């Protein structure tokens, strides 16, 4: 399979990319960190990794044009890139902080969909997985901006699901609680009790591969 993954330089995205490469799939990945992308290119020269800020539509457009020129449309598109807000009540979040989070967590997803979906729709096949969160279905204090973005992902994905042709699927997927840099940036003390990415991906990897048209529009959670 040809699998597109955003945010592959660390955390869940890196774990998924490494897992699928080992399973023999072709990976087209992007991330904002140049050194990590260079590392991935050196380790996996047969795959396609690019430095891309998904919040910039023109950069995503160039990436998609280059990536899709390699061959056919992807079988799976995983919008994984995301960020957490600084822990604080909503009224203490600056406009710049709020805008940056929206650019990555919401506009970034829309940008990727805008440029990768058309060939998938033309082929009338493929699965779109937009990474959500438990905070896309519930709320907590001090993470209002992040909750907003993930509730937005749930709504955007469910609306997309009813626009797709039969045979395709779009799902918001909550990964569950995983010990990542993002989680540690919020709750360093408790993050260690959650599964490591290496453990998580053993369930998440095959679970995502099994998503199909029957799941279109469903809010899913990695078991």
Protein backbone atom coordinates (compact mmCIF):
# COMPACT_ATOMS: atom_id res chain seq x y z
CA UNK A 1 0.00 0.00 0.00
CA UNK A 2 0.95 3.63 -0.51
CA UNK A 3 0.46 5.48 2.79
CA UNK A 4 0.74 9.24 3.32
CA UNK A 5 1.52 10.35 6.89
CA UNK A 6 1.97 13.89 8.17
CA UNK A 7 4.05 14.62 11.27
CA UNK A 8 6.46 11.71 10.76
CA UNK A 9 9.47 13.16 12.57
CA UNK A 10 8.46 12.05 16.06
CA UNK A 11 5.79 10.50 18.24
CA UNK A 12 2.91 8.58 16.70
CA UNK A 13 3.72 9.60 13.14
CA UNK A 14 7.29 8.34 13.37
CA UNK A 15 6.14 5.09 14.96
CA UNK A 16 3.55 4.51 12.21
CA UNK A 17 6.04 5.29 9.43
CA UNK A 18 8.64 2.90 10.83
CA UNK A 19 6.04 0.18 11.41
CA UNK A 20 4.58 0.36 7.91
CA UNK A 21 8.01 0.43 6.29
CA UNK A 22 8.87 -2.81 8.12
CA UNK A 23 5.59 -4.27 6.89
CA UNK A 24 6.53 -3.54 3.29
CA UNK A 25 4.34 -0.53 2.56
CA UNK A 26 5.42 2.58 0.67
CA UNK A 27 5.54 5.72 2.83
CA UNK A 28 5.14 9.34 1.76
CA UNK A 29 5.76 11.41 4.87
CA UNK A 30 6.31 14.99 5.92
CA UNK A 31 7.36 16.92 9.00
CA UNK A 32 8.66 20.35 9.96
CA UNK A 33 12.02 19.25 11.36
CA UNK A 34 14.77 19.19 8.74
CA UNK A 35 17.29 17.05 10.67
CA UNK A 36 14.74 14.31 11.39
CA UNK A 37 13.52 14.29 7.77
CA UNK A 38 17.13 14.00 6.60
CA UNK A 39 17.60 11.08 9.00
CA UNK A 40 14.53 9.33 7.63
CA UNK A 41 15.74 9.85 4.08
CA UNK A 42 19.11 8.31 4.91
CA UNK A 43 17.57 5.34 6.74
CA UNK A 44 14.82 4.71 4.17
CA UNK A 45 15.99 5.89 0.74
CA UNK A 46 13.24 3.98 -1.06
CA UNK A 47 10.55 6.11 0.58
CA UNK A 48 9.59 9.77 0.18
CA UNK A 49 10.12 12.20 3.07
CA UNK A 50 9.81 15.99 2.82
CA UNK A 51 10.12 19.04 5.05
CA UNK A 52 6.64 20.60 5.00
CA UNK A 53 4.69 22.91 7.29
CA UNK A 54 1.14 21.66 6.74
CA UNK A 55 -0.21 25.03 7.86
CA UNK A 56 1.12 26.58 4.64
CA UNK A 57 -1.17 25.67 1.75
CA UNK A 58 1.37 26.51 -0.97
CA UNK A 59 3.95 24.20 0.62
CA UNK A 60 1.43 21.35 0.88
CA UNK A 61 0.47 21.91 -2.75
CA UNK A 62 4.09 21.56 -3.88
CA UNK A 63 4.57 18.48 -1.70
CA UNK A 64 1.44 16.80 -3.05
CA UNK A 65 2.38 17.55 -6.65
CA UNK A 66 5.83 16.02 -6.14
CA UNK A 67 4.61 13.05 -4.09
CA UNK A 68 1.70 12.13 -6.33
CA UNK A 69 3.93 12.41 -9.36
CA UNK A 70 5.69 9.31 -8.09
CA UNK A 71 2.74 7.08 -8.90
CA UNK A 72 -0.89 6.46 -8.07
CA UNK A 73 -3.01 8.11 -5.41
CA UNK A 74 -2.43 6.90 -1.84
CA UNK A 75 -4.40 4.03 -0.39
CA UNK A 76 -4.38 5.59 3.08
CA UNK A 77 -3.96 9.22 4.10
CA UNK A 78 -3.16 9.79 7.79
CA UNK A 79 -3.39 13.37 9.02
CA UNK A 80 -1.29 13.01 12.14
CA UNK A 81 0.55 16.36 12.45
CA UNK A 82 -0.63 18.30 15.49
CA UNK A 83 0.39 20.35 18.48
CA UNK A 84 -0.75 21.01 22.04
CA UNK A 85 -1.48 24.43 23.50
CA UNK A 86 0.45 25.85 26.46
CA UNK A 87 -1.43 24.74 29.57
CA UNK A 88 -3.49 27.74 30.67
CA UNK A 89 -7.11 28.94 30.74
CA UNK A 90 -8.44 30.01 27.35
CA UNK A 91 -8.35 33.72 28.19
CA UNK A 92 -4.63 33.50 28.89
CA UNK A 93 -3.85 32.08 25.44
CA UNK A 94 -2.50 34.79 23.15
CA UNK A 95 -3.87 35.34 19.67
CA UNK A 96 -0.53 34.18 18.22
CA UNK A 97 -0.63 30.93 20.23
CA UNK A 98 -4.25 30.26 19.27
CA UNK A 99 -3.60 31.01 15.60
CA UNK A 100 -0.54 28.75 15.44
CA UNK A 101 -2.51 25.85 16.91
CA UNK A 102 -5.38 26.37 14.46
CA UNK A 103 -2.94 26.56 11.55
CA UNK A 104 -1.47 23.15 12.40
CA UNK A 105 -4.38 21.21 13.88
CA UNK A 106 -7.20 22.40 11.61
CA UNK A 107 -5.96 24.34 8.59
CA UNK A 108 -3.14 21.84 8.18
CA UNK A 109 -5.60 18.97 7.87
CA UNK A 110 -7.75 20.91 5.39
CA UNK A 111 -4.68 21.79 3.32
CA UNK A 112 -3.57 18.17 3.08
CA UNK A 113 -7.07 17.00 2.19
CA UNK A 114 -7.40 19.70 -0.47
CA UNK A 115 -4.35 18.48 -2.37
CA UNK A 116 -4.31 14.72 -1.75
CA UNK A 117 -8.02 13.89 -1.93
CA UNK A 118 -8.81 14.66 -5.60
CA UNK A 119 -6.88 11.69 -7.05
CA UNK A 120 -8.30 9.41 -4.37
CA UNK A 121 -11.82 10.56 -5.19
CA UNK A 122 -11.15 10.09 -8.90
CA UNK A 123 -10.15 6.51 -8.16
CA UNK A 124 -13.14 6.16 -5.80
CA UNK A 125 -11.08 4.31 -3.23
CA UNK A 126 -8.93 5.01 -0.22
CA UNK A 127 -9.14 5.70 3.50
CA UNK A 128 -8.63 9.05 5.25
CA UNK A 129 -7.66 8.90 8.91
CA UNK A 130 -7.69 12.23 10.74
CA UNK A 131 -6.09 11.91 14.15
CA UNK A 132 -8.49 13.06 16.84
CA UNK A 133 -8.28 12.70 20.62
CA UNK A 134 -10.27 11.88 23.69
CA UNK A 135 -10.36 15.67 23.97
CA UNK A 136 -12.22 15.77 20.68
CA UNK A 137 -15.09 14.05 22.46
CA UNK A 138 -14.73 15.46 26.00
CA UNK A 139 -13.08 18.47 27.63
CA UNK A 140 -10.64 19.37 30.42
CA UNK A 141 -9.42 22.66 31.88
CA UNK A 142 -6.32 24.37 30.48
CA UNK A 143 -6.52 22.59 27.12
CA UNK A 144 -9.46 24.50 25.64
CA UNK A 145 -7.67 25.38 22.40
CA UNK A 146 -6.60 21.80 21.82
CA UNK A 147 -10.09 20.50 22.63
CA UNK A 148 -11.56 22.98 20.16
CA UNK A 149 -9.23 21.79 17.41
CA UNK A 150 -9.98 18.11 17.97
CA UNK A 151 -13.74 18.66 18.23
CA UNK A 152 -13.27 20.45 14.91
CA UNK A 153 -11.51 17.41 13.48
CA UNK A 154 -14.42 15.23 14.53
CA UNK A 155 -16.94 17.50 12.79
CA UNK A 156 -14.82 18.08 9.69
CA UNK A 157 -14.21 14.37 9.23
CA UNK A 158 -17.82 13.35 9.71
CA UNK A 159 -18.92 16.00 7.18
CA UNK A 160 -16.25 14.80 4.75
CA UNK A 161 -17.52 11.25 5.18
CA UNK A 162 -20.92 12.10 3.70
CA UNK A 163 -19.27 13.87 0.75
CA UNK A 164 -17.09 10.95 -0.32
CA UNK A 165 -18.11 8.49 -3.04
CA UNK A 166 -19.17 4.99 -2.05
CA UNK A 167 -16.25 2.73 -1.31
CA UNK A 168 -14.15 5.34 0.49
CA UNK A 169 -13.91 6.13 4.20
CA UNK A 170 -13.01 9.10 6.37
CA UNK A 171 -12.72 8.54 10.12
CA UNK A 172 -11.62 10.57 13.14
CA UNK A 173 -9.31 8.29 15.11
CA UNK A 174 -8.41 8.78 18.76
CA UNK A 175 -5.05 7.13 19.47
CA UNK A 176 -5.75 6.82 23.18
CA UNK A 177 -3.24 7.97 25.79
CA UNK A 178 0.34 7.37 24.64
CA UNK A 179 3.67 8.34 26.21
CA UNK A 180 4.83 10.96 23.68
CA UNK A 181 6.73 14.25 23.90
CA UNK A 182 3.39 16.03 23.55
CA UNK A 183 1.89 14.24 26.53
CA UNK A 184 5.02 14.81 28.60
CA UNK A 185 4.90 18.53 27.80
CA UNK A 186 1.58 18.61 29.63
CA UNK A 187 1.80 15.97 32.32
CA UNK A 188 5.37 14.77 32.64
CA UNK A 189 4.66 13.04 35.96
CA UNK A 190 1.91 10.81 34.61
CA UNK A 191 3.02 10.23 31.03
CA UNK A 192 5.31 7.34 31.95
CA UNK A 193 2.36 5.17 32.96
CA UNK A 194 0.98 5.26 29.39
CA UNK A 195 2.10 2.88 26.64
CA UNK A 196 5.24 3.81 24.70
CA UNK A 197 4.85 4.49 20.99
CA UNK A 198 6.64 1.21 20.18
CA UNK A 199 3.97 -0.70 22.08
CA UNK A 200 1.07 1.44 20.85
CA UNK A 201 1.92 0.99 17.17
CA UNK A 202 1.67 -2.80 17.43
CA UNK A 203 -2.08 -2.28 17.89
CA UNK A 204 -2.53 0.94 15.94
CA UNK A 205 -0.67 -0.16 12.82
CA UNK A 206 -2.86 -3.14 11.89
CA UNK A 207 -5.98 -1.43 13.25
CA UNK A 208 -5.62 1.42 10.74
CA UNK A 209 -4.98 -1.01 7.89
CA UNK A 210 -8.30 -2.72 8.68
CA UNK A 211 -10.35 0.49 8.41
CA UNK A 212 -12.62 0.43 5.39
CA UNK A 213 -15.82 1.73 3.84
CA UNK A 214 -17.88 0.09 6.60
CA UNK A 215 -16.32 2.53 9.08
CA UNK A 216 -16.98 5.70 7.08
CA UNK A 217 -17.92 8.58 9.41
CA UNK A 218 -17.43 6.58 12.62
CA UNK A 219 -15.46 7.97 15.56
CA UNK A 220 -12.89 5.27 16.23
CA UNK A 221 -10.37 4.63 19.00
CA UNK A 222 -7.25 2.50 18.83
CA UNK A 223 -7.92 -0.52 21.07
